[in-house]
Amino acid sequence: MKNQHFDLGAETVAFVRSRLMEVVGENPENLQKVECNMKEVKEQIFRLFYDYQVVRGWPHVAANTADILGLDERTVRRLRKIMR
């Protein structure tokens, strides 16, 4: 894994695309069966990255999370307070 780069954003898009094809396929009526609360998804992804580091006692959690998610550190600190 050394010097490897993982774009989890691209992997997430590929997964959602695959699931959309499985669930909706070519039938537009199947769209009624699909739900995707983007606010909740965004919060859950934020929590995954943030809490993963906290549980392990890793340093610089806010800075690392900001870097991974393309946010500034102040935004990460603000989001963390909001999501408590």
PDB file of N, CA and C in Angstrom:
ATOM      1  N   MET A   1       0.811  -1.193   0.000  1.00  0.00           N
ATOM      2  CA  MET A   1       0.000   0.000   0.000  1.00  0.00           C
ATOM      3  C   MET A   1       0.857   1.261   0.000  1.00  0.00           C
ATOM      4  N   LYS A   2       2.144   1.105   0.201  1.00  0.00           N
ATOM      5  CA  LYS A   2       3.017   2.263   0.243  1.00  0.00           C
ATOM      6  C   LYS A   2       2.988   3.010  -1.090  1.00  0.00           C
ATOM      7  N   ASN A   3       2.898   4.330  -1.018  1.00  0.00           N
ATOM      8  CA  ASN A   3       2.871   5.222  -2.185  1.00  0.00           C
ATOM      9  C   ASN A   3       1.657   5.010  -3.081  1.00  0.00           C
ATOM     10  N   GLN A   4       0.626   4.344  -2.571  1.00  0.00           N
ATOM     11  CA  GLN A   4      -0.599   4.162  -3.330  1.00  0.00           C
ATOM     12  C   GLN A   4      -1.569   5.283  -2.971  1.00  0.00           C
ATOM     13  N   HIS A   5      -2.376   5.688  -3.911  1.00  0.00           N
ATOM     14  CA  HIS A   5      -3.370   6.738  -3.689  1.00  0.00           C
ATOM     15  C   HIS A   5      -4.755   6.135  -3.902  1.00  0.00           C
ATOM     16  N   PHE A   6      -5.665   6.391  -2.979  1.00  0.00           N
ATOM     17  CA  PHE A   6      -7.015   5.856  -3.066  1.00  0.00           C
ATOM     18  C   PHE A   6      -7.996   7.017  -3.166  1.00  0.00           C
ATOM     19  N   ASP A   7      -8.734   7.095  -4.255  1.00  0.00           N
ATOM     20  CA  ASP A   7      -9.754   8.123  -4.441  1.00  0.00           C
ATOM     21  C   ASP A   7     -11.100   7.519  -4.060  1.00  0.00           C
ATOM     22  N   LEU A   8     -11.444   7.643  -2.778  1.00  0.00           N
ATOM     23  CA  LEU A   8     -12.688   7.059  -2.306  1.00  0.00           C
ATOM     24  C   LEU A   8     -13.904   7.777  -2.878  1.00  0.00           C
ATOM     25  N   GLY A   9     -13.743   9.026  -3.300  1.00  0.00           N
ATOM     26  CA  GLY A   9     -14.836   9.737  -3.954  1.00  0.00           C
ATOM     27  C   GLY A   9     -15.215   9.056  -5.251  1.00  0.00           C
ATOM     28  N   ALA A  10     -14.218   8.736  -6.063  1.00  0.00           N
ATOM     29  CA  ALA A  10     -14.466   8.048  -7.332  1.00  0.00           C
ATOM     30  C   ALA A  10     -15.036   6.652  -7.092  1.00  0.00           C
ATOM     31  N   GLU A  11     -14.541   5.973  -6.069  1.00  0.00           N
ATOM     32  CA  GLU A  11     -15.066   4.649  -5.746  1.00  0.00           C
ATOM     33  C   GLU A  11     -16.527   4.734  -5.292  1.00  0.00           C
ATOM     34  N   THR A  12     -16.855   5.769  -4.549  1.00  0.00           N
ATOM     35  CA  THR A  12     -18.228   5.960  -4.090  1.00  0.00           C
ATOM     36  C   THR A  12     -19.158   6.208  -5.266  1.00  0.00           C
ATOM     37  N   VAL A  13     -18.736   7.057  -6.198  1.00  0.00           N
ATOM     38  CA  VAL A  13     -19.542   7.339  -7.386  1.00  0.00           C
ATOM     39  C   VAL A  13     -19.753   6.052  -8.190  1.00  0.00           C
ATOM     40  N   ALA A  14     -18.706   5.266  -8.353  1.00  0.00           N
ATOM     41  CA  ALA A  14     -18.826   4.011  -9.099  1.00  0.00           C
ATOM     42  C   ALA A  14     -19.804   3.065  -8.409  1.00  0.00           C
ATOM     43  N   PHE A  15     -19.754   3.006  -7.078  1.00  0.00           N
ATOM     44  CA  PHE A  15     -20.674   2.145  -6.331  1.00  0.00           C
ATOM     45  C   PHE A  15     -22.114   2.605  -6.516  1.00  0.00           C
ATOM     46  N   VAL A  16     -22.365   3.904  -6.367  1.00  0.00           N
ATOM     47  CA  VAL A  16     -23.728   4.432  -6.505  1.00  0.00           C
ATOM     48  C   VAL A  16     -24.239   4.202  -7.925  1.00  0.00           C
ATOM     49  N   ARG A  17     -23.382   4.408  -8.910  1.00  0.00           N
ATOM     50  CA  ARG A  17     -23.772   4.172 -10.308  1.00  0.00           C
ATOM     51  C   ARG A  17     -24.189   2.712 -10.501  1.00  0.00           C
ATOM     52  N   SER A  18     -23.410   1.799  -9.955  1.00  0.00           N
ATOM     53  CA  SER A  18     -23.708   0.373 -10.073  1.00  0.00           C
ATOM     54  C   SER A  18     -25.030   0.032  -9.394  1.00  0.00           C
ATOM     55  N   ARG A  19     -25.221   0.546  -8.190  1.00  0.00           N
ATOM     56  CA  ARG A  19     -26.465   0.278  -7.457  1.00  0.00           C
ATOM     57  C   ARG A  19     -27.667   0.881  -8.174  1.00  0.00           C
ATOM     58  N   LEU A  20     -27.496   2.060  -8.757  1.00  0.00           N
ATOM     59  CA  LEU A  20     -28.587   2.696  -9.500  1.00  0.00           C
ATOM     60  C   LEU A  20     -29.021   1.816 -10.669  1.00  0.00           C
ATOM     61  N   MET A  21     -28.050   1.258 -11.368  1.00  0.00           N
ATOM     62  CA  MET A  21     -28.365   0.360 -12.478  1.00  0.00           C
ATOM     63  C   MET A  21     -29.087  -0.892 -11.974  1.00  0.00           C
ATOM     64  N   GLU A  22     -28.665  -1.415 -10.816  1.00  0.00           N
ATOM     65  CA  GLU A  22     -29.308  -2.595 -10.249  1.00  0.00           C
ATOM     66  C   GLU A  22     -30.744  -2.306  -9.807  1.00  0.00           C
ATOM     67  N   VAL A  23     -30.941  -1.185  -9.152  1.00  0.00           N
ATOM     68  CA  VAL A  23     -32.238  -0.863  -8.565  1.00  0.00           C
ATOM     69  C   VAL A  23     -33.207  -0.278  -9.585  1.00  0.00           C
ATOM     70  N   VAL A  24     -32.741   0.656 -10.396  1.00  0.00           N
ATOM     71  CA  VAL A  24     -33.617   1.348 -11.342  1.00  0.00           C
ATOM     72  C   VAL A  24     -33.609   0.657 -12.701  1.00  0.00           C
ATOM     73  N   GLY A  25     -32.433   0.263 -13.149  1.00  0.00           N
ATOM     74  CA  GLY A  25     -32.323  -0.373 -14.459  1.00  0.00           C
ATOM     75  C   GLY A  25     -32.840   0.547 -15.544  1.00  0.00           C
ATOM     76  N   GLU A  26     -33.712   0.050 -16.378  1.00  0.00           N
ATOM     77  CA  GLU A  26     -34.263   0.838 -17.491  1.00  0.00           C
ATOM     78  C   GLU A  26     -35.719   1.230 -17.232  1.00  0.00           C
ATOM     79  N   ASN A  27     -36.180   1.032 -15.999  1.00  0.00           N
ATOM     80  CA  ASN A  27     -37.573   1.306 -15.670  1.00  0.00           C
ATOM     81  C   ASN A  27     -37.680   2.583 -14.829  1.00  0.00           C
ATOM     82  N   PRO A  28     -38.161   3.687 -15.397  1.00  0.00           N
ATOM     83  CA  PRO A  28     -38.239   4.946 -14.661  1.00  0.00           C
ATOM     84  C   PRO A  28     -39.162   4.865 -13.440  1.00  0.00           C
ATOM     85  N   GLU A  29     -40.089   3.925 -13.430  1.00  0.00           N
ATOM     86  CA  GLU A  29     -40.974   3.773 -12.269  1.00  0.00           C
ATOM     87  C   GLU A  29     -40.200   3.319 -11.036  1.00  0.00           C
ATOM     88  N   ASN A  30     -39.080   2.656 -11.254  1.00  0.00           N
ATOM     89  CA  ASN A  30     -38.257   2.197 -10.135  1.00  0.00           C
ATOM     90  C   ASN A  30     -37.600   3.349  -9.382  1.00  0.00           C
ATOM     91  N   LEU A  31     -37.572   4.539  -9.986  1.00  0.00           N
ATOM     92  CA  LEU A  31     -37.009   5.697  -9.283  1.00  0.00           C
ATOM     93  C   LEU A  31     -37.772   5.985  -7.998  1.00  0.00           C
ATOM     94  N   GLN A  32     -39.037   5.584  -7.957  1.00  0.00           N
ATOM     95  CA  GLN A  32     -39.852   5.792  -6.752  1.00  0.00           C
ATOM     96  C   GLN A  32     -39.339   4.962  -5.580  1.00  0.00           C
ATOM     97  N   LYS A  33     -38.526   3.967  -5.872  1.00  0.00           N
ATOM     98  CA  LYS A  33     -37.987   3.083  -4.832  1.00  0.00           C
ATOM     99  C   LYS A  33     -36.654   3.590  -4.277  1.00  0.00           C
ATOM    100  N   VAL A  34     -36.139   4.663  -4.858  1.00  0.00           N
ATOM    101  CA  VAL A  34     -34.807   5.148  -4.501  1.00  0.00           C
ATOM    102  C   VAL A  34     -34.905   6.356  -3.573  1.00  0.00           C
ATOM    103  N   GLU A  35     -34.044   6.350  -2.575  1.00  0.00           N
ATOM    104  CA  GLU A  35     -33.948   7.471  -1.638  1.00  0.00           C
ATOM    105  C   GLU A  35     -32.474   7.750  -1.403  1.00  0.00           C
ATOM    106  N   CYS A  36     -32.099   9.004  -1.385  1.00  0.00           N
ATOM    107  CA  CYS A  36     -30.713   9.365  -1.103  1.00  0.00           C
ATOM    108  C   CYS A  36     -30.690  10.763  -0.485  1.00  0.00           C
ATOM    109  N   ASN A  37     -30.662  10.814   0.831  1.00  0.00           N
ATOM    110  CA  ASN A  37     -30.635  12.074   1.555  1.00  0.00           C
ATOM    111  C   ASN A  37     -29.185  12.574   1.573  1.00  0.00           C
ATOM    112  N   MET A  38     -28.877  13.503   0.684  1.00  0.00           N
ATOM    113  CA  MET A  38     -27.492  13.962   0.525  1.00  0.00           C
ATOM    114  C   MET A  38     -26.946  14.616   1.783  1.00  0.00           C
ATOM    115  N   LYS A  39     -27.786  15.316   2.535  1.00  0.00           N
ATOM    116  CA  LYS A  39     -27.321  15.925   3.784  1.00  0.00           C
ATOM    117  C   LYS A  39     -26.856  14.834   4.745  1.00  0.00           C
ATOM    118  N   GLU A  40     -27.647  13.781   4.861  1.00  0.00           N
ATOM    119  CA  GLU A  40     -27.290  12.673   5.737  1.00  0.00           C
ATOM    120  C   GLU A  40     -26.040  11.950   5.237  1.00  0.00           C
ATOM    121  N   VAL A  41     -25.944  11.736   3.933  1.00  0.00           N
ATOM    122  CA  VAL A  41     -24.772  11.069   3.354  1.00  0.00           C
ATOM    123  C   VAL A  41     -23.514  11.881   3.658  1.00  0.00           C
ATOM    124  N   LYS A  42     -23.595  13.182   3.448  1.00  0.00           N
ATOM    125  CA  LYS A  42     -22.441  14.057   3.696  1.00  0.00           C
ATOM    126  C   LYS A  42     -22.018  13.992   5.168  1.00  0.00           C
ATOM    127  N   GLU A  43     -22.989  14.033   6.062  1.00  0.00           N
ATOM    128  CA  GLU A  43     -22.682  13.967   7.486  1.00  0.00           C
ATOM    129  C   GLU A  43     -22.062  12.627   7.858  1.00  0.00           C
ATOM    130  N   GLN A  44     -22.597  11.549   7.319  1.00  0.00           N
ATOM    131  CA  GLN A  44     -22.075  10.222   7.631  1.00  0.00           C
ATOM    132  C   GLN A  44     -20.642  10.041   7.128  1.00  0.00           C
ATOM    133  N   ILE A  45     -20.369  10.526   5.937  1.00  0.00           N
ATOM    134  CA  ILE A  45     -19.004  10.430   5.400  1.00  0.00           C
ATOM    135  C   ILE A  45     -18.046  11.246   6.250  1.00  0.00           C
ATOM    136  N   PHE A  46     -18.460  12.437   6.625  1.00  0.00           N
ATOM    137  CA  PHE A  46     -17.640  13.262   7.510  1.00  0.00           C
ATOM    138  C   PHE A  46     -17.347  12.505   8.800  1.00  0.00           C
ATOM    139  N   ARG A  47     -18.390  11.957   9.412  1.00  0.00           N
ATOM    140  CA  ARG A  47     -18.215  11.226  10.674  1.00  0.00           C
ATOM    141  C   ARG A  47     -17.303  10.014  10.502  1.00  0.00           C
ATOM    142  N   LEU A  48     -17.432   9.310   9.398  1.00  0.00           N
ATOM    143  CA  LEU A  48     -16.574   8.145   9.164  1.00  0.00           C
ATOM    144  C   LEU A  48     -15.101   8.519   9.207  1.00  0.00           C
ATOM    145  N   PHE A  49     -14.736   9.539   8.463  1.00  0.00           N
ATOM    146  CA  PHE A  49     -13.331   9.949   8.418  1.00  0.00           C
ATOM    147  C   PHE A  49     -12.866  10.508   9.759  1.00  0.00           C
ATOM    148  N   TYR A  50     -13.691  11.343  10.371  1.00  0.00           N
ATOM    149  CA  TYR A  50     -13.308  11.984  11.619  1.00  0.00           C
ATOM    150  C   TYR A  50     -13.204  10.951  12.751  1.00  0.00           C
ATOM    151  N   ASP A  51     -14.284  10.202  12.947  1.00  0.00           N
ATOM    152  CA  ASP A  51     -14.332   9.257  14.072  1.00  0.00           C
ATOM    153  C   ASP A  51     -13.335   8.112  13.925  1.00  0.00           C
ATOM    154  N   TYR A  52     -13.057   7.697  12.706  1.00  0.00           N
ATOM    155  CA  TYR A  52     -12.070   6.635  12.471  1.00  0.00           C
ATOM    156  C   TYR A  52     -10.739   7.020  13.119  1.00  0.00           C
ATOM    157  N   GLN A  53     -10.352   8.258  12.951  1.00  0.00           N
ATOM    158  CA  GLN A  53      -9.082   8.732  13.507  1.00  0.00           C
ATOM    159  C   GLN A  53      -9.159   8.910  15.020  1.00  0.00           C
ATOM    160  N   VAL A  54     -10.282   9.442  15.503  1.00  0.00           N
ATOM    161  CA  VAL A  54     -10.442   9.686  16.935  1.00  0.00           C
ATOM    162  C   VAL A  54     -10.376   8.376  17.713  1.00  0.00           C
ATOM    163  N   VAL A  55     -11.093   7.365  17.247  1.00  0.00           N
ATOM    164  CA  VAL A  55     -11.129   6.069  17.926  1.00  0.00           C
ATOM    165  C   VAL A  55      -9.725   5.490  18.058  1.00  0.00           C
ATOM    166  N   ARG A  56      -8.893   5.736  17.083  1.00  0.00           N
ATOM    167  CA  ARG A  56      -7.539   5.190  17.095  1.00  0.00           C
ATOM    168  C   ARG A  56      -6.529   6.098  17.808  1.00  0.00           C
ATOM    169  N   GLY A  57      -6.995   7.257  18.249  1.00  0.00           N
ATOM    170  CA  GLY A  57      -6.127   8.175  18.978  1.00  0.00           C
ATOM    171  C   GLY A  57      -5.076   8.837  18.113  1.00  0.00           C
ATOM    172  N   TRP A  58      -5.367   8.945  16.827  1.00  0.00           N
ATOM    173  CA  TRP A  58      -4.402   9.538  15.912  1.00  0.00           C
ATOM    174  C   TRP A  58      -4.343  11.063  16.090  1.00  0.00           C
ATOM    175  N   PRO A  59      -3.196  11.665  15.823  1.00  0.00           N
ATOM    176  CA  PRO A  59      -3.053  13.114  15.980  1.00  0.00           C
ATOM    177  C   PRO A  59      -3.610  13.873  14.765  1.00  0.00           C
ATOM    178  N   HIS A  60      -3.835  15.155  14.959  1.00  0.00           N
ATOM    179  CA  HIS A  60      -4.195  16.086  13.889  1.00  0.00           C
ATOM    180  C   HIS A  60      -5.473  15.678  13.147  1.00  0.00           C
ATOM    181  N   VAL A  61      -6.467  15.248  13.899  1.00  0.00           N
ATOM    182  CA  VAL A  61      -7.698  14.728  13.296  1.00  0.00           C
ATOM    183  C   VAL A  61      -8.380  15.780  12.426  1.00  0.00           C
ATOM    184  N   ALA A  62      -8.538  16.989  12.949  1.00  0.00           N
ATOM    185  CA  ALA A  62      -9.222  18.027  12.179  1.00  0.00           C
ATOM    186  C   ALA A  62      -8.449  18.362  10.903  1.00  0.00           C
ATOM    187  N   ALA A  63      -7.146  18.484  11.011  1.00  0.00           N
ATOM    188  CA  ALA A  63      -6.320  18.811   9.842  1.00  0.00           C
ATOM    189  C   ALA A  63      -6.357  17.689   8.809  1.00  0.00           C
ATOM    190  N   ASN A  64      -6.254  16.447   9.273  1.00  0.00           N
ATOM    191  CA  ASN A  64      -6.300  15.310   8.348  1.00  0.00           C
ATOM    192  C   ASN A  64      -7.651  15.212   7.650  1.00  0.00           C
ATOM    193  N   THR A  65      -8.714  15.381   8.431  1.00  0.00           N
ATOM    194  CA  THR A  65     -10.064  15.309   7.865  1.00  0.00           C
ATOM    195  C   THR A  65     -10.267  16.414   6.842  1.00  0.00           C
ATOM    196  N   ALA A  66      -9.804  17.603   7.162  1.00  0.00           N
ATOM    197  CA  ALA A  66      -9.917  18.732   6.234  1.00  0.00           C
ATOM    198  C   ALA A  66      -9.189  18.426   4.926  1.00  0.00           C
ATOM    199  N   ASP A  67      -8.003  17.880   5.044  1.00  0.00           N
ATOM    200  CA  ASP A  67      -7.208  17.560   3.856  1.00  0.00           C
ATOM    201  C   ASP A  67      -7.888  16.497   2.988  1.00  0.00           C
ATOM    202  N   ILE A  68      -8.370  15.444   3.617  1.00  0.00           N
ATOM    203  CA  ILE A  68      -9.006  14.344   2.890  1.00  0.00           C
ATOM    204  C   ILE A  68     -10.277  14.803   2.188  1.00  0.00           C
ATOM    205  N   LEU A  69     -11.091  15.609   2.875  1.00  0.00           N
ATOM    206  CA  LEU A  69     -12.396  16.002   2.345  1.00  0.00           C
ATOM    207  C   LEU A  69     -12.369  17.314   1.564  1.00  0.00           C
ATOM    208  N   GLY A  70     -11.202  17.921   1.462  1.00  0.00           N
ATOM    209  CA  GLY A  70     -11.102  19.163   0.703  1.00  0.00           C
ATOM    210  C   GLY A  70     -11.775  20.336   1.389  1.00  0.00           C
ATOM    211  N   LEU A  71     -11.705  20.359   2.703  1.00  0.00           N
ATOM    212  CA  LEU A  71     -12.298  21.435   3.499  1.00  0.00           C
ATOM    213  C   LEU A  71     -11.185  22.192   4.208  1.00  0.00           C
ATOM    214  N   ASP A  72     -11.517  23.359   4.753  1.00  0.00           N
ATOM    215  CA  ASP A  72     -10.522  23.999   5.602  1.00  0.00           C
ATOM    216  C   ASP A  72     -10.751  23.541   7.041  1.00  0.00           C
ATOM    217  N   GLU A  73      -9.742  23.648   7.835  1.00  0.00           N
ATOM    218  CA  GLU A  73      -9.780  23.103   9.191  1.00  0.00           C
ATOM    219  C   GLU A  73     -10.865  23.765  10.044  1.00  0.00           C
ATOM    220  N   ARG A  74     -11.109  25.043   9.834  1.00  0.00           N
ATOM    221  CA  ARG A  74     -12.167  25.734  10.589  1.00  0.00           C
ATOM    222  C   ARG A  74     -13.531  25.126  10.286  1.00  0.00           C
ATOM    223  N   THR A  75     -13.749  24.765   9.034  1.00  0.00           N
ATOM    224  CA  THR A  75     -15.017  24.134   8.651  1.00  0.00           C
ATOM    225  C   THR A  75     -15.169  22.790   9.348  1.00  0.00           C
ATOM    226  N   VAL A  76     -14.105  22.018   9.424  1.00  0.00           N
ATOM    227  CA  VAL A  76     -14.147  20.723  10.102  1.00  0.00           C
ATOM    228  C   VAL A  76     -14.494  20.922  11.568  1.00  0.00           C
ATOM    229  N   ARG A  77     -13.867  21.879  12.219  1.00  0.00           N
ATOM    230  CA  ARG A  77     -14.155  22.134  13.639  1.00  0.00           C
ATOM    231  C   ARG A  77     -15.605  22.575  13.830  1.00  0.00           C
ATOM    232  N   ARG A  78     -16.106  23.407  12.930  1.00  0.00           N
ATOM    233  CA  ARG A  78     -17.486  23.876  13.003  1.00  0.00           C
ATOM    234  C   ARG A  78     -18.460  22.708  12.786  1.00  0.00           C
ATOM    235  N   LEU A  79     -18.188  21.884  11.782  1.00  0.00           N
ATOM    236  CA  LEU A  79     -19.056  20.735  11.514  1.00  0.00           C
ATOM    237  C   LEU A  79     -19.075  19.783  12.702  1.00  0.00           C
ATOM    238  N   ARG A  80     -17.929  19.597  13.306  1.00  0.00           N
ATOM    239  CA  ARG A  80     -17.853  18.684  14.457  1.00  0.00           C
ATOM    240  C   ARG A  80     -18.736  19.181  15.599  1.00  0.00           C
ATOM    241  N   LYS A  81     -18.738  20.495  15.842  1.00  0.00           N
ATOM    242  CA  LYS A  81     -19.574  21.059  16.897  1.00  0.00           C
ATOM    243  C   LYS A  81     -21.056  20.894  16.554  1.00  0.00           C
ATOM    244  N   ILE A  82     -21.402  21.115  15.298  1.00  0.00           N
ATOM    245  CA  ILE A  82     -22.797  21.029  14.852  1.00  0.00           C
ATOM    246  C   ILE A  82     -23.314  19.596  14.988  1.00  0.00           C
ATOM    247  N   MET A  83     -22.470  18.608  14.708  1.00  0.00           N
ATOM    248  CA  MET A  83     -22.912  17.217  14.635  1.00  0.00           C
ATOM    249  C   MET A  83     -22.841  16.472  15.965  1.00  0.00           C
ATOM    250  N   ARG A  84     -22.503  17.137  17.021  1.00  0.00           N
ATOM    251  CA  ARG A  84     -22.422  16.453  18.328  1.00  0.00           C
ATOM    252  C   ARG A  84     -23.744  15.970  18.800  1.00  0.00           C
TER     253      ARG A  84
END
